[in-house]
Amino acid sequence: MVDDSQRPVHGATVVLIRDSSLRYRVNEKFVFSDVSGQFEFRNVPPGNYKLFAWESIDRGAWQDPEFMRAFETRGAPIRVEEGARMSVNVRMIEK
């Protein structure tokens, strides 16, 4: 769930980015949170990732290493296992 001080956020851009040397070579996955702040990624290959959520962001801006430098510490690190389902809360990055 995406939240902002414990309030669910609708329409946040949620991005899942590999946390490895393949970071900017492999397509990232992104979705938008629903009215209850929920989001879902499907068919995510196993591995280490960082999860980010923005109130507003230009599509693809997260592919720019210079842009991402300012947000690295705001990402939620996660490990995706084969066939696993998980629930993750992520704090929204405001403008």
C-alpha atoms as a PDB file:
ATOM      1  CA  MET A   1       0.000   0.000   0.000  1.00  0.00           C
ATOM      2  CA  VAL A   2       1.114   3.564  -0.716  1.00  0.00           C
ATOM      3  CA  ASP A   3       0.562   5.898   2.197  1.00  0.00           C
ATOM      4  CA  ASP A   4       1.187   9.472   3.212  1.00  0.00           C
ATOM      5  CA  SER A   5       1.173   9.722   7.011  1.00  0.00           C
ATOM      6  CA  GLN A   6      -1.063   6.637   7.284  1.00  0.00           C
ATOM      7  CA  ARG A   7      -3.502   7.945   4.646  1.00  0.00           C
ATOM      8  CA  PRO A   8      -3.859   5.738   1.531  1.00  0.00           C
ATOM      9  CA  VAL A   9      -2.844   7.528  -1.683  1.00  0.00           C
ATOM     10  CA  HIS A  10      -4.818   7.112  -4.897  1.00  0.00           C
ATOM     11  CA  GLY A  11      -3.062   7.509  -8.246  1.00  0.00           C
ATOM     12  CA  ALA A  12       0.542   7.378  -7.025  1.00  0.00           C
ATOM     13  CA  THR A  13       3.090   6.085  -9.553  1.00  0.00           C
ATOM     14  CA  VAL A  14       4.690   2.991  -8.014  1.00  0.00           C
ATOM     15  CA  VAL A  15       7.945   1.818  -9.583  1.00  0.00           C
ATOM     16  CA  LEU A  16       9.839  -1.423  -8.994  1.00  0.00           C
ATOM     17  CA  ILE A  17      13.512  -1.143  -9.995  1.00  0.00           C
ATOM     18  CA  ARG A  18      16.199  -3.846  -9.851  1.00  0.00           C
ATOM     19  CA  ASP A  19      18.759  -3.169  -7.164  1.00  0.00           C
ATOM     20  CA  SER A  20      21.745  -4.464  -9.137  1.00  0.00           C
ATOM     21  CA  SER A  21      24.122  -3.621 -11.952  1.00  0.00           C
ATOM     22  CA  LEU A  22      21.243  -4.341 -14.375  1.00  0.00           C
ATOM     23  CA  ARG A  23      19.255  -1.455 -12.913  1.00  0.00           C
ATOM     24  CA  TYR A  24      19.191   0.753 -16.012  1.00  0.00           C
ATOM     25  CA  ARG A  25      19.483  -2.056 -18.567  1.00  0.00           C
ATOM     26  CA  VAL A  26      16.415  -4.071 -17.646  1.00  0.00           C
ATOM     27  CA  ASN A  27      12.911  -2.705 -18.005  1.00  0.00           C
ATOM     28  CA  GLU A  28      11.431  -1.558 -14.744  1.00  0.00           C
ATOM     29  CA  LYS A  29       7.836  -2.175 -13.819  1.00  0.00           C
ATOM     30  CA  PHE A  30       5.410   0.551 -12.826  1.00  0.00           C
ATOM     31  CA  VAL A  31       1.755   0.748 -11.849  1.00  0.00           C
ATOM     32  CA  PHE A  32      -0.630   3.265 -10.288  1.00  0.00           C
ATOM     33  CA  SER A  33      -2.142   2.853  -6.835  1.00  0.00           C
ATOM     34  CA  ASP A  34      -5.906   2.387  -6.627  1.00  0.00           C
ATOM     35  CA  VAL A  35      -8.381   4.340  -4.462  1.00  0.00           C
ATOM     36  CA  SER A  36      -7.339   2.383  -1.381  1.00  0.00           C
ATOM     37  CA  GLY A  37      -3.620   2.915  -2.037  1.00  0.00           C
ATOM     38  CA  GLN A  38      -3.175  -0.705  -3.149  1.00  0.00           C
ATOM     39  CA  PHE A  39      -1.027  -1.769  -6.096  1.00  0.00           C
ATOM     40  CA  GLU A  40       0.063  -5.046  -7.647  1.00  0.00           C
ATOM     41  CA  PHE A  41       2.965  -6.174  -9.799  1.00  0.00           C
ATOM     42  CA  ARG A  42       2.651  -9.454 -11.697  1.00  0.00           C
ATOM     43  CA  ASN A  43       5.302 -11.771 -13.125  1.00  0.00           C
ATOM     44  CA  VAL A  44       8.245 -10.174 -11.340  1.00  0.00           C
ATOM     45  CA  PRO A  45      11.459 -12.181 -11.785  1.00  0.00           C
ATOM     46  CA  PRO A  46      13.150 -13.209  -8.524  1.00  0.00           C
ATOM     47  CA  GLY A  47      15.786 -10.808  -7.245  1.00  0.00           C
ATOM     48  CA  ASN A  48      16.518  -7.705  -5.209  1.00  0.00           C
ATOM     49  CA  TYR A  49      14.563  -4.552  -5.962  1.00  0.00           C
ATOM     50  CA  LYS A  50      13.785  -1.104  -4.622  1.00  0.00           C
ATOM     51  CA  LEU A  51      10.211   0.109  -4.551  1.00  0.00           C
ATOM     52  CA  PHE A  52       9.407   3.807  -5.015  1.00  0.00           C
ATOM     53  CA  ALA A  53       6.110   5.719  -5.072  1.00  0.00           C
ATOM     54  CA  TRP A  54       5.693   9.291  -6.313  1.00  0.00           C
ATOM     55  CA  GLU A  55       2.751  11.630  -6.023  1.00  0.00           C
ATOM     56  CA  SER A  56       3.633  12.997  -9.451  1.00  0.00           C
ATOM     57  CA  ILE A  57       6.497  12.141 -11.807  1.00  0.00           C
ATOM     58  CA  ASP A  58       7.171  12.252 -15.534  1.00  0.00           C
ATOM     59  CA  ARG A  59       6.974   8.789 -17.039  1.00  0.00           C
ATOM     60  CA  GLY A  60      10.413   7.211 -17.255  1.00  0.00           C
ATOM     61  CA  ALA A  61      12.178   9.839 -15.108  1.00  0.00           C
ATOM     62  CA  TRP A  62      13.234   6.998 -12.791  1.00  0.00           C
ATOM     63  CA  GLN A  63      15.464   5.651 -15.607  1.00  0.00           C
ATOM     64  CA  ASP A  64      17.808   8.627 -15.225  1.00  0.00           C
ATOM     65  CA  PRO A  65      20.609   7.865 -12.709  1.00  0.00           C
ATOM     66  CA  GLU A  66      21.083  11.593 -11.964  1.00  0.00           C
ATOM     67  CA  PHE A  67      17.389  12.012 -11.161  1.00  0.00           C
ATOM     68  CA  MET A  68      17.336   8.898  -8.977  1.00  0.00           C
ATOM     69  CA  ARG A  69      20.365   9.912  -6.929  1.00  0.00           C
ATOM     70  CA  ALA A  70      18.189  12.276  -4.863  1.00  0.00           C
ATOM     71  CA  PHE A  71      15.690   9.487  -4.069  1.00  0.00           C
ATOM     72  CA  GLU A  72      17.861   6.414  -3.410  1.00  0.00           C
ATOM     73  CA  THR A  73      17.334   6.472   0.336  1.00  0.00           C
ATOM     74  CA  ARG A  74      13.562   6.798  -0.113  1.00  0.00           C
ATOM     75  CA  GLY A  75      13.169   3.432  -1.866  1.00  0.00           C
ATOM     76  CA  ALA A  76      11.948   0.401   0.057  1.00  0.00           C
ATOM     77  CA  PRO A  77      14.314  -2.546  -0.483  1.00  0.00           C
ATOM     78  CA  ILE A  78      12.548  -5.858  -1.174  1.00  0.00           C
ATOM     79  CA  ARG A  79      13.552  -9.362  -2.176  1.00  0.00           C
ATOM     80  CA  VAL A  80      11.251 -11.193  -4.584  1.00  0.00           C
ATOM     81  CA  GLU A  81      11.277 -14.978  -4.334  1.00  0.00           C
ATOM     82  CA  GLU A  82      10.050 -17.407  -7.008  1.00  0.00           C
ATOM     83  CA  GLY A  83       6.254 -17.803  -6.802  1.00  0.00           C
ATOM     84  CA  ALA A  84       5.944 -15.636  -3.678  1.00  0.00           C
ATOM     85  CA  ARG A  85       3.235 -13.120  -2.850  1.00  0.00           C
ATOM     86  CA  MET A  86       4.065 -10.250  -0.557  1.00  0.00           C
ATOM     87  CA  SER A  87       2.552  -7.160   0.950  1.00  0.00           C
ATOM     88  CA  VAL A  88       4.685  -4.014   1.177  1.00  0.00           C
ATOM     89  CA  ASN A  89       3.944  -0.535   2.492  1.00  0.00           C
ATOM     90  CA  VAL A  90       5.818   2.288   0.796  1.00  0.00           C
ATOM     91  CA  ARG A  91       5.899   5.972   1.720  1.00  0.00           C
ATOM     92  CA  MET A  92       5.017   8.337  -1.072  1.00  0.00           C
ATOM     93  CA  ILE A  93       7.615  10.760  -2.387  1.00  0.00           C
ATOM     94  CA  GLU A  94       5.918  14.134  -2.747  1.00  0.00           C
ATOM     95  CA  LYS A  95       6.758  16.744  -5.352  1.00  0.00           C
END
